[in-house]
């Protein structure tokens, strides 16, 4: 059982098809099919049910999945541990981060790191914080720079780098913008534009309104905070966004109820050895706290 076959197995599982897995691994579809056939022959079991263009894991495939991830993670750790002995800072560093953090927080960090360690190839996935979190948890990413969840997760190591205050916002022409005081109950009478339900930021907002036994009137959801900012700025509803996004197009609403503070930081796997590049990246990141 070789690592290439296991990598192909994980790619097919995550992508949902042989063709998508081939694109992800920069291989041809016949090459992926051959690796899967060899792996199934070695294990003596069928790993996928092929339904049209989609594939689904069989019982044997579901049993192999966590073991395949563990094997590849251990192999990566072994390679990193041996490479770290040389003290060199090089290779590829895979990081996951959100579009908002990548746009508003990471540029000076990446600039300093790339100038200090030009031999490191940065492989950055701009994805939702929740996806980056999951990528670190399953060993697909070495580090994530993300919005941290409201509740701690003992499965990973996290550290706060930036406090990111949240603010109730609306366009200057929104009816609530002329009110001297805006209560949470008043907000429920107007359309809200919020991040999607799976995001940590949405959980913070919903938790506040649930605590006061109030129902939000959500008209639209999207994962891109810049898109929400645009829709709020043209008067389509109010929202909760980081204070760093306040500008002439939107203004802060005078809501006396304080929002829980959003925290941004990094996430790493406690059982995974960081590469020299990963350790030095964290040093640069923490210096910008």
C-alpha atoms as a PDB file:
ATOM      1  CA  UNK A   1       0.000   0.000   0.000  1.00  0.00           C
ATOM      2  CA  UNK A   2       1.812   3.115  -1.206  1.00  0.00           C
ATOM      3  CA  UNK A   3       1.188   6.746  -0.263  1.00  0.00           C
ATOM      4  CA  UNK A   4       0.330   7.747  -3.839  1.00  0.00           C
ATOM      5  CA  UNK A   5      -2.642   5.381  -3.829  1.00  0.00           C
ATOM      6  CA  UNK A   6      -3.785   6.687  -0.452  1.00  0.00           C
ATOM      7  CA  UNK A   7      -3.469  10.287  -1.655  1.00  0.00           C
ATOM      8  CA  UNK A   8      -5.569   9.428  -4.689  1.00  0.00           C
ATOM      9  CA  UNK A   9      -8.130   7.709  -2.444  1.00  0.00           C
ATOM     10  CA  UNK A  10      -8.451  10.831  -0.265  1.00  0.00           C
ATOM     11  CA  UNK A  11      -8.686  13.085  -3.312  1.00  0.00           C
ATOM     12  CA  UNK A  12     -11.526  11.027  -4.795  1.00  0.00           C
ATOM     13  CA  UNK A  13     -13.304  10.961  -1.425  1.00  0.00           C
ATOM     14  CA  UNK A  14     -13.060  14.730  -0.915  1.00  0.00           C
ATOM     15  CA  UNK A  15     -13.700  15.736  -4.541  1.00  0.00           C
ATOM     16  CA  UNK A  16     -16.561  13.296  -5.089  1.00  0.00           C
ATOM     17  CA  UNK A  17     -15.411  12.085  -8.499  1.00  0.00           C
ATOM     18  CA  UNK A  18     -12.410  10.604 -10.276  1.00  0.00           C
ATOM     19  CA  UNK A  19     -12.195  13.482 -12.752  1.00  0.00           C
ATOM     20  CA  UNK A  20     -12.180  16.145 -10.003  1.00  0.00           C
ATOM     21  CA  UNK A  21      -9.563  14.162  -8.065  1.00  0.00           C
ATOM     22  CA  UNK A  22      -7.397  13.968 -11.191  1.00  0.00           C
ATOM     23  CA  UNK A  23      -7.540  17.755 -11.577  1.00  0.00           C
ATOM     24  CA  UNK A  24      -6.653  18.247  -7.927  1.00  0.00           C
ATOM     25  CA  UNK A  25      -3.595  15.972  -8.155  1.00  0.00           C
ATOM     26  CA  UNK A  26      -2.609  17.117 -11.685  1.00  0.00           C
ATOM     27  CA  UNK A  27      -3.012  13.581 -13.023  1.00  0.00           C
ATOM     28  CA  UNK A  28      -5.083  11.997 -15.749  1.00  0.00           C
ATOM     29  CA  UNK A  29      -8.329  10.259 -14.872  1.00  0.00           C
ATOM     30  CA  UNK A  30      -6.988   6.849 -16.050  1.00  0.00           C
ATOM     31  CA  UNK A  31      -4.046   7.296 -13.657  1.00  0.00           C
ATOM     32  CA  UNK A  32      -6.432   7.864 -10.755  1.00  0.00           C
ATOM     33  CA  UNK A  33      -8.522   4.848 -11.789  1.00  0.00           C
ATOM     34  CA  UNK A  34      -5.397   2.676 -11.969  1.00  0.00           C
ATOM     35  CA  UNK A  35      -4.294   3.698  -8.478  1.00  0.00           C
ATOM     36  CA  UNK A  36      -7.747   2.955  -7.097  1.00  0.00           C
ATOM     37  CA  UNK A  37      -7.848  -0.424  -8.808  1.00  0.00           C
ATOM     38  CA  UNK A  38      -4.447  -1.334  -7.335  1.00  0.00           C
ATOM     39  CA  UNK A  39      -5.507  -0.235  -3.869  1.00  0.00           C
ATOM     40  CA  UNK A  40      -8.769  -2.197  -4.040  1.00  0.00           C
ATOM     41  CA  UNK A  41      -6.846  -5.250  -5.229  1.00  0.00           C
ATOM     42  CA  UNK A  42      -4.385  -4.958  -2.338  1.00  0.00           C
ATOM     43  CA  UNK A  43      -7.177  -4.630   0.214  1.00  0.00           C
ATOM     44  CA  UNK A  44      -9.431  -7.179  -1.423  1.00  0.00           C
ATOM     45  CA  UNK A  45     -12.414  -4.867  -1.116  1.00  0.00           C
ATOM     46  CA  UNK A  46     -14.342  -2.381  -3.193  1.00  0.00           C
ATOM     47  CA  UNK A  47     -13.819   1.166  -1.880  1.00  0.00           C
ATOM     48  CA  UNK A  48     -16.302   3.161  -3.976  1.00  0.00           C
ATOM     49  CA  UNK A  49     -19.744   2.715  -5.430  1.00  0.00           C
ATOM     50  CA  UNK A  50     -19.833   4.480  -8.782  1.00  0.00           C
ATOM     51  CA  UNK A  51     -23.211   6.157  -9.367  1.00  0.00           C
ATOM     52  CA  UNK A  52     -23.144   8.036 -12.645  1.00  0.00           C
ATOM     53  CA  UNK A  53     -20.318  10.550 -12.461  1.00  0.00           C
ATOM     54  CA  UNK A  54     -20.346  10.605  -8.674  1.00  0.00           C
ATOM     55  CA  UNK A  55     -18.758   8.120  -6.294  1.00  0.00           C
ATOM     56  CA  UNK A  56     -19.690   7.179  -2.745  1.00  0.00           C
ATOM     57  CA  UNK A  57     -17.647   5.336  -0.152  1.00  0.00           C
ATOM     58  CA  UNK A  58     -18.510   1.719   0.544  1.00  0.00           C
ATOM     59  CA  UNK A  59     -18.338   0.338   4.078  1.00  0.00           C
ATOM     60  CA  UNK A  60     -14.729  -0.678   3.399  1.00  0.00           C
ATOM     61  CA  UNK A  61     -13.983   2.830   2.093  1.00  0.00           C
ATOM     62  CA  UNK A  62     -15.430   4.426   5.211  1.00  0.00           C
ATOM     63  CA  UNK A  63     -13.263   2.141   7.358  1.00  0.00           C
ATOM     64  CA  UNK A  64     -10.146   3.052   5.367  1.00  0.00           C
ATOM     65  CA  UNK A  65     -10.718   6.836   5.398  1.00  0.00           C
ATOM     66  CA  UNK A  66      -9.511   7.729   8.936  1.00  0.00           C
ATOM     67  CA  UNK A  67      -6.640   5.236   8.663  1.00  0.00           C
ATOM     68  CA  UNK A  68      -5.510   6.669   5.330  1.00  0.00           C
ATOM     69  CA  UNK A  69      -5.496  10.173   6.801  1.00  0.00           C
ATOM     70  CA  UNK A  70      -3.496   8.971   9.809  1.00  0.00           C
ATOM     71  CA  UNK A  71      -0.935   7.154   7.627  1.00  0.00           C
ATOM     72  CA  UNK A  72      -0.351  10.191   5.407  1.00  0.00           C
ATOM     73  CA  UNK A  73      -0.190  12.509   8.408  1.00  0.00           C
ATOM     74  CA  UNK A  74       2.432  10.267  10.043  1.00  0.00           C
ATOM     75  CA  UNK A  75       4.436  10.181   6.804  1.00  0.00           C
ATOM     76  CA  UNK A  76       4.340  13.980   6.561  1.00  0.00           C
ATOM     77  CA  UNK A  77       5.420  14.281  10.191  1.00  0.00           C
ATOM     78  CA  UNK A  78       8.331  11.918   9.580  1.00  0.00           C
ATOM     79  CA  UNK A  79       9.517  13.858   6.543  1.00  0.00           C
ATOM     80  CA  UNK A  80       9.223  17.174   8.422  1.00  0.00           C
ATOM     81  CA  UNK A  81      11.005  15.870  11.526  1.00  0.00           C
ATOM     82  CA  UNK A  82      13.969  14.650   9.460  1.00  0.00           C
ATOM     83  CA  UNK A  83      14.011  17.803   7.331  1.00  0.00           C
ATOM     84  CA  UNK A  84      13.942  19.986  10.460  1.00  0.00           C
ATOM     85  CA  UNK A  85      17.214  18.436  11.650  1.00  0.00           C
ATOM     86  CA  UNK A  86      19.081  20.354   8.960  1.00  0.00           C
ATOM     87  CA  UNK A  87      17.837  23.664  10.345  1.00  0.00           C
ATOM     88  CA  UNK A  88      17.056  24.905   6.846  1.00  0.00           C
ATOM     89  CA  UNK A  89      13.890  26.925   6.277  1.00  0.00           C
ATOM     90  CA  UNK A  90      12.541  25.856   2.918  1.00  0.00           C
ATOM     91  CA  UNK A  91      10.038  23.636   1.154  1.00  0.00           C
ATOM     92  CA  UNK A  92       6.310  24.246   0.800  1.00  0.00           C
ATOM     93  CA  UNK A  93       4.180  25.690   3.586  1.00  0.00           C
ATOM     94  CA  UNK A  94       0.444  25.031   3.184  1.00  0.00           C
ATOM     95  CA  UNK A  95      -1.769  27.555   4.965  1.00  0.00           C
ATOM     96  CA  UNK A  96      -5.529  28.048   4.930  1.00  0.00           C
ATOM     97  CA  UNK A  97      -7.076  31.440   5.623  1.00  0.00           C
ATOM     98  CA  UNK A  98     -10.267  33.361   4.948  1.00  0.00           C
ATOM     99  CA  UNK A  99     -10.582  35.962   2.204  1.00  0.00           C
ATOM    100  CA  UNK A 100     -11.205  38.686   4.802  1.00  0.00           C
ATOM    101  CA  UNK A 101      -8.121  37.862   6.878  1.00  0.00           C
ATOM    102  CA  UNK A 102      -6.054  37.443   3.738  1.00  0.00           C
ATOM    103  CA  UNK A 103      -7.141  40.860   2.532  1.00  0.00           C
ATOM    104  CA  UNK A 104      -7.081  42.876   5.768  1.00  0.00           C
ATOM    105  CA  UNK A 105      -4.633  41.183   8.153  1.00  0.00           C
ATOM    106  CA  UNK A 106      -2.095  38.954   6.431  1.00  0.00           C
ATOM    107  CA  UNK A 107      -0.421  41.149   3.768  1.00  0.00           C
ATOM    108  CA  UNK A 108       2.274  42.603   6.080  1.00  0.00           C
ATOM    109  CA  UNK A 109       2.872  39.157   7.612  1.00  0.00           C
ATOM    110  CA  UNK A 110       3.274  37.499   4.220  1.00  0.00           C
ATOM    111  CA  UNK A 111       5.462  40.333   2.953  1.00  0.00           C
ATOM    112  CA  UNK A 112       7.871  40.080   5.880  1.00  0.00           C
ATOM    113  CA  UNK A 113       7.947  36.275   5.857  1.00  0.00           C
ATOM    114  CA  UNK A 114       8.547  35.951   2.099  1.00  0.00           C
ATOM    115  CA  UNK A 115      11.360  38.504   2.212  1.00  0.00           C
ATOM    116  CA  UNK A 116      12.992  36.847   5.203  1.00  0.00           C
ATOM    117  CA  UNK A 117      12.583  33.276   3.901  1.00  0.00           C
ATOM    118  CA  UNK A 118      12.484  33.490   0.074  1.00  0.00           C
ATOM    119  CA  UNK A 119      13.276  29.781  -0.266  1.00  0.00           C
ATOM    120  CA  UNK A 120       9.869  28.843   1.238  1.00  0.00           C
ATOM    121  CA  UNK A 121       7.077  28.290  -1.272  1.00  0.00           C
ATOM    122  CA  UNK A 122       3.806  29.529   0.227  1.00  0.00           C
ATOM    123  CA  UNK A 123       0.762  27.494  -0.799  1.00  0.00           C
ATOM    124  CA  UNK A 124      -2.196  29.524   0.509  1.00  0.00           C
ATOM    125  CA  UNK A 125      -5.782  28.297   0.277  1.00  0.00           C
ATOM    126  CA  UNK A 126      -8.271  31.187   0.525  1.00  0.00           C
ATOM    127  CA  UNK A 127     -11.260  29.412   2.000  1.00  0.00           C
ATOM    128  CA  UNK A 128     -13.777  29.841   4.804  1.00  0.00           C
ATOM    129  CA  UNK A 129     -12.311  29.770   8.310  1.00  0.00           C
ATOM    130  CA  UNK A 130     -14.355  26.664   9.028  1.00  0.00           C
ATOM    131  CA  UNK A 131     -12.864  24.871   6.012  1.00  0.00           C
ATOM    132  CA  UNK A 132      -9.335  25.873   7.048  1.00  0.00           C
ATOM    133  CA  UNK A 133     -10.053  24.610  10.565  1.00  0.00           C
ATOM    134  CA  UNK A 134     -11.202  21.278   9.125  1.00  0.00           C
ATOM    135  CA  UNK A 135      -8.173  21.139   6.817  1.00  0.00           C
ATOM    136  CA  UNK A 136      -5.783  21.455   9.771  1.00  0.00           C
ATOM    137  CA  UNK A 137      -7.766  18.917  11.783  1.00  0.00           C
ATOM    138  CA  UNK A 138      -7.525  16.315   9.005  1.00  0.00           C
ATOM    139  CA  UNK A 139      -3.908  17.024   8.128  1.00  0.00           C
ATOM    140  CA  UNK A 140      -4.502  18.681   4.739  1.00  0.00           C
ATOM    141  CA  UNK A 141      -3.096  22.022   5.932  1.00  0.00           C
ATOM    142  CA  UNK A 142      -0.150  22.683   8.202  1.00  0.00           C
ATOM    143  CA  UNK A 143      -1.604  25.904   9.621  1.00  0.00           C
ATOM    144  CA  UNK A 144      -4.790  27.924   9.490  1.00  0.00           C
ATOM    145  CA  UNK A 145      -5.115  31.656  10.130  1.00  0.00           C
ATOM    146  CA  UNK A 146      -8.793  31.920  10.911  1.00  0.00           C
ATOM    147  CA  UNK A 147     -11.692  33.343  12.851  1.00  0.00           C
ATOM    148  CA  UNK A 148     -11.601  31.357  16.076  1.00  0.00           C
ATOM    149  CA  UNK A 149     -14.845  29.673  17.182  1.00  0.00           C
ATOM    150  CA  UNK A 150     -16.789  30.936  20.210  1.00  0.00           C
ATOM    151  CA  UNK A 151     -16.163  27.626  22.017  1.00  0.00           C
ATOM    152  CA  UNK A 152     -12.688  26.040  22.397  1.00  0.00           C
ATOM    153  CA  UNK A 153     -11.895  22.757  20.643  1.00  0.00           C
ATOM    154  CA  UNK A 154      -9.450  20.463  22.469  1.00  0.00           C
ATOM    155  CA  UNK A 155      -8.621  18.629  19.220  1.00  0.00           C
ATOM    156  CA  UNK A 156      -6.489  21.524  17.964  1.00  0.00           C
ATOM    157  CA  UNK A 157      -4.045  24.133  19.241  1.00  0.00           C
ATOM    158  CA  UNK A 158      -5.086  27.761  18.856  1.00  0.00           C
ATOM    159  CA  UNK A 159      -3.758  31.171  19.808  1.00  0.00           C
ATOM    160  CA  UNK A 160      -5.364  34.587  19.480  1.00  0.00           C
ATOM    161  CA  UNK A 161      -3.392  37.003  17.299  1.00  0.00           C
ATOM    162  CA  UNK A 162      -5.896  39.827  16.784  1.00  0.00           C
ATOM    163  CA  UNK A 163      -9.030  40.934  18.600  1.00  0.00           C
ATOM    164  CA  UNK A 164     -11.564  41.866  15.933  1.00  0.00           C
ATOM    165  CA  UNK A 165     -14.464  43.899  17.410  1.00  0.00           C
ATOM    166  CA  UNK A 166     -17.814  43.465  15.681  1.00  0.00           C
ATOM    167  CA  UNK A 167     -20.151  46.389  15.015  1.00  0.00           C
ATOM    168  CA  UNK A 168     -23.815  46.702  14.002  1.00  0.00           C
ATOM    169  CA  UNK A 169     -23.780  48.565  10.686  1.00  0.00           C
ATOM    170  CA  UNK A 170     -26.198  50.078   8.172  1.00  0.00           C
ATOM    171  CA  UNK A 171     -26.182  52.530   5.295  1.00  0.00           C
ATOM    172  CA  UNK A 172     -26.548  56.234   6.224  1.00  0.00           C
ATOM    173  CA  UNK A 173     -30.022  56.297   4.598  1.00  0.00           C
ATOM    174  CA  UNK A 174     -31.287  53.217   6.488  1.00  0.00           C
ATOM    175  CA  UNK A 175     -34.258  54.024   8.795  1.00  0.00           C
ATOM    176  CA  UNK A 176     -32.294  52.853  11.849  1.00  0.00           C
ATOM    177  CA  UNK A 177     -29.412  55.211  11.096  1.00  0.00           C
ATOM    178  CA  UNK A 178     -31.425  58.242  12.298  1.00  0.00           C
ATOM    179  CA  UNK A 179     -32.422  56.639  15.615  1.00  0.00           C
ATOM    180  CA  UNK A 180     -30.637  57.920  18.749  1.00  0.00           C
ATOM    181  CA  UNK A 181     -30.669  54.410  20.249  1.00  0.00           C
ATOM    182  CA  UNK A 182     -31.211  51.079  18.465  1.00  0.00           C
ATOM    183  CA  UNK A 183     -32.258  48.071  20.532  1.00  0.00           C
ATOM    184  CA  UNK A 184     -31.921  44.431  19.524  1.00  0.00           C
ATOM    185  CA  UNK A 185     -35.701  44.215  19.280  1.00  0.00           C
ATOM    186  CA  UNK A 186     -35.757  47.149  16.842  1.00  0.00           C
ATOM    187  CA  UNK A 187     -33.218  45.338  14.673  1.00  0.00           C
ATOM    188  CA  UNK A 188     -35.508  42.302  14.351  1.00  0.00           C
ATOM    189  CA  UNK A 189     -38.065  44.440  12.472  1.00  0.00           C
ATOM    190  CA  UNK A 190     -35.605  45.040   9.618  1.00  0.00           C
ATOM    191  CA  UNK A 191     -33.846  42.726   7.199  1.00  0.00           C
ATOM    192  CA  UNK A 192     -30.434  41.462   8.245  1.00  0.00           C
ATOM    193  CA  UNK A 193     -27.637  40.421   5.888  1.00  0.00           C
ATOM    194  CA  UNK A 194     -25.319  38.017   7.704  1.00  0.00           C
ATOM    195  CA  UNK A 195     -22.589  35.459   7.022  1.00  0.00           C
ATOM    196  CA  UNK A 196     -23.790  31.933   6.267  1.00  0.00           C
ATOM    197  CA  UNK A 197     -25.072  29.737   9.125  1.00  0.00           C
ATOM    198  CA  UNK A 198     -21.938  27.568   9.236  1.00  0.00           C
ATOM    199  CA  UNK A 199     -19.599  30.478  10.052  1.00  0.00           C
ATOM    200  CA  UNK A 200     -18.236  31.279  13.486  1.00  0.00           C
ATOM    201  CA  UNK A 201     -19.294  34.929  13.075  1.00  0.00           C
ATOM    202  CA  UNK A 202     -22.912  33.925  12.432  1.00  0.00           C
ATOM    203  CA  UNK A 203     -22.858  31.759  15.571  1.00  0.00           C
ATOM    204  CA  UNK A 204     -21.721  34.772  17.610  1.00  0.00           C
ATOM    205  CA  UNK A 205     -24.579  36.942  16.316  1.00  0.00           C
ATOM    206  CA  UNK A 206     -27.246  34.251  16.638  1.00  0.00           C
ATOM    207  CA  UNK A 207     -26.044  33.447  20.146  1.00  0.00           C
ATOM    208  CA  UNK A 208     -26.592  37.066  21.208  1.00  0.00           C
ATOM    209  CA  UNK A 209     -30.150  37.218  19.833  1.00  0.00           C
ATOM    210  CA  UNK A 210     -31.007  33.743  21.155  1.00  0.00           C
ATOM    211  CA  UNK A 211     -29.843  34.843  24.596  1.00  0.00           C
ATOM    212  CA  UNK A 212     -32.402  37.670  24.471  1.00  0.00           C
ATOM    213  CA  UNK A 213     -35.034  35.328  22.958  1.00  0.00           C
ATOM    214  CA  UNK A 214     -35.299  37.351  19.773  1.00  0.00           C
ATOM    215  CA  UNK A 215     -35.681  36.028  16.223  1.00  0.00           C
ATOM    216  CA  UNK A 216     -33.522  37.501  13.484  1.00  0.00           C
ATOM    217  CA  UNK A 217     -35.106  38.593  10.203  1.00  0.00           C
ATOM    218  CA  UNK A 218     -32.399  37.356   7.805  1.00  0.00           C
ATOM    219  CA  UNK A 219     -32.976  38.210   4.165  1.00  0.00           C
ATOM    220  CA  UNK A 220     -29.616  37.165   2.679  1.00  0.00           C
ATOM    221  CA  UNK A 221     -26.488  35.230   3.613  1.00  0.00           C
ATOM    222  CA  UNK A 222     -23.042  34.978   2.067  1.00  0.00           C
ATOM    223  CA  UNK A 223     -19.601  33.971   3.292  1.00  0.00           C
ATOM    224  CA  UNK A 224     -17.851  37.023   1.811  1.00  0.00           C
ATOM    225  CA  UNK A 225     -17.809  39.934   4.249  1.00  0.00           C
ATOM    226  CA  UNK A 226     -16.901  42.365   1.466  1.00  0.00           C
ATOM    227  CA  UNK A 227     -20.074  41.344  -0.393  1.00  0.00           C
ATOM    228  CA  UNK A 228     -22.139  41.877   2.760  1.00  0.00           C
ATOM    229  CA  UNK A 229     -20.550  45.317   3.171  1.00  0.00           C
ATOM    230  CA  UNK A 230     -21.538  46.225  -0.376  1.00  0.00           C
ATOM    231  CA  UNK A 231     -25.155  45.088   0.093  1.00  0.00           C
ATOM    232  CA  UNK A 232     -25.433  46.983   3.383  1.00  0.00           C
ATOM    233  CA  UNK A 233     -23.954  50.112   1.791  1.00  0.00           C
ATOM    234  CA  UNK A 234     -26.739  50.223  -0.824  1.00  0.00           C
ATOM    235  CA  UNK A 235     -29.424  49.918   1.837  1.00  0.00           C
ATOM    236  CA  UNK A 236     -30.526  46.286   1.470  1.00  0.00           C
ATOM    237  CA  UNK A 237     -30.338  45.655   5.222  1.00  0.00           C
ATOM    238  CA  UNK A 238     -28.245  45.942   8.375  1.00  0.00           C
ATOM    239  CA  UNK A 239     -25.417  43.639   9.352  1.00  0.00           C
ATOM    240  CA  UNK A 240     -22.739  42.818  11.890  1.00  0.00           C
ATOM    241  CA  UNK A 241     -19.237  43.272  10.497  1.00  0.00           C
ATOM    242  CA  UNK A 242     -15.705  43.884  11.833  1.00  0.00           C
ATOM    243  CA  UNK A 243     -15.110  47.469  12.954  1.00  0.00           C
ATOM    244  CA  UNK A 244     -12.228  47.656  10.446  1.00  0.00           C
ATOM    245  CA  UNK A 245     -14.859  47.746   7.659  1.00  0.00           C
ATOM    246  CA  UNK A 246     -16.459  50.988   8.831  1.00  0.00           C
ATOM    247  CA  UNK A 247     -16.117  53.659   6.152  1.00  0.00           C
ATOM    248  CA  UNK A 248     -18.111  56.423   4.502  1.00  0.00           C
ATOM    249  CA  UNK A 249     -20.475  53.932   2.853  1.00  0.00           C
ATOM    250  CA  UNK A 250     -21.690  52.403   6.149  1.00  0.00           C
ATOM    251  CA  UNK A 251     -21.945  53.656   9.702  1.00  0.00           C
ATOM    252  CA  UNK A 252     -22.128  52.110  13.154  1.00  0.00           C
ATOM    253  CA  UNK A 253     -25.595  51.838  14.651  1.00  0.00           C
ATOM    254  CA  UNK A 254     -26.004  53.079  18.264  1.00  0.00           C
ATOM    255  CA  UNK A 255     -26.799  49.671  19.772  1.00  0.00           C
ATOM    256  CA  UNK A 256     -26.130  49.695  23.540  1.00  0.00           C
ATOM    257  CA  UNK A 257     -25.971  45.875  23.770  1.00  0.00           C
ATOM    258  CA  UNK A 258     -22.364  44.813  23.337  1.00  0.00           C
ATOM    259  CA  UNK A 259     -21.475  42.119  20.851  1.00  0.00           C
ATOM    260  CA  UNK A 260     -19.083  39.363  21.905  1.00  0.00           C
ATOM    261  CA  UNK A 261     -15.667  40.149  20.476  1.00  0.00           C
ATOM    262  CA  UNK A 262     -14.547  38.120  17.494  1.00  0.00           C
ATOM    263  CA  UNK A 263     -11.025  36.724  17.739  1.00  0.00           C
ATOM    264  CA  UNK A 264      -8.658  35.937  14.904  1.00  0.00           C
ATOM    265  CA  UNK A 265      -5.693  33.647  15.286  1.00  0.00           C
ATOM    266  CA  UNK A 266      -3.941  30.529  14.140  1.00  0.00           C
ATOM    267  CA  UNK A 267      -4.867  26.882  14.450  1.00  0.00           C
ATOM    268  CA  UNK A 268      -2.450  23.942  14.349  1.00  0.00           C
ATOM    269  CA  UNK A 269      -2.713  20.226  14.989  1.00  0.00           C
ATOM    270  CA  UNK A 270      -1.203  19.269  18.377  1.00  0.00           C
ATOM    271  CA  UNK A 271      -0.104  15.838  17.125  1.00  0.00           C
ATOM    272  CA  UNK A 272       1.589  17.191  14.011  1.00  0.00           C
ATOM    273  CA  UNK A 273       5.198  18.400  13.936  1.00  0.00           C
ATOM    274  CA  UNK A 274       5.522  21.858  12.436  1.00  0.00           C
ATOM    275  CA  UNK A 275       8.093  22.315   9.708  1.00  0.00           C
ATOM    276  CA  UNK A 276      10.853  24.853  10.188  1.00  0.00           C
ATOM    277  CA  UNK A 277       8.941  27.054   7.764  1.00  0.00           C
ATOM    278  CA  UNK A 278       5.767  26.669   9.844  1.00  0.00           C
ATOM    279  CA  UNK A 279       7.537  27.559  13.090  1.00  0.00           C
ATOM    280  CA  UNK A 280       9.167  30.657  11.596  1.00  0.00           C
ATOM    281  CA  UNK A 281       5.882  31.709  10.025  1.00  0.00           C
ATOM    282  CA  UNK A 282       4.264  31.641  13.479  1.00  0.00           C
ATOM    283  CA  UNK A 283       7.108  33.782  14.827  1.00  0.00           C
ATOM    284  CA  UNK A 284       6.421  36.418  12.183  1.00  0.00           C
ATOM    285  CA  UNK A 285       2.671  36.131  12.711  1.00  0.00           C
ATOM    286  CA  UNK A 286       2.938  36.611  16.495  1.00  0.00           C
ATOM    287  CA  UNK A 287       5.175  39.633  15.993  1.00  0.00           C
ATOM    288  CA  UNK A 288       2.200  41.329  14.295  1.00  0.00           C
ATOM    289  CA  UNK A 289      -0.188  40.584  17.161  1.00  0.00           C
END
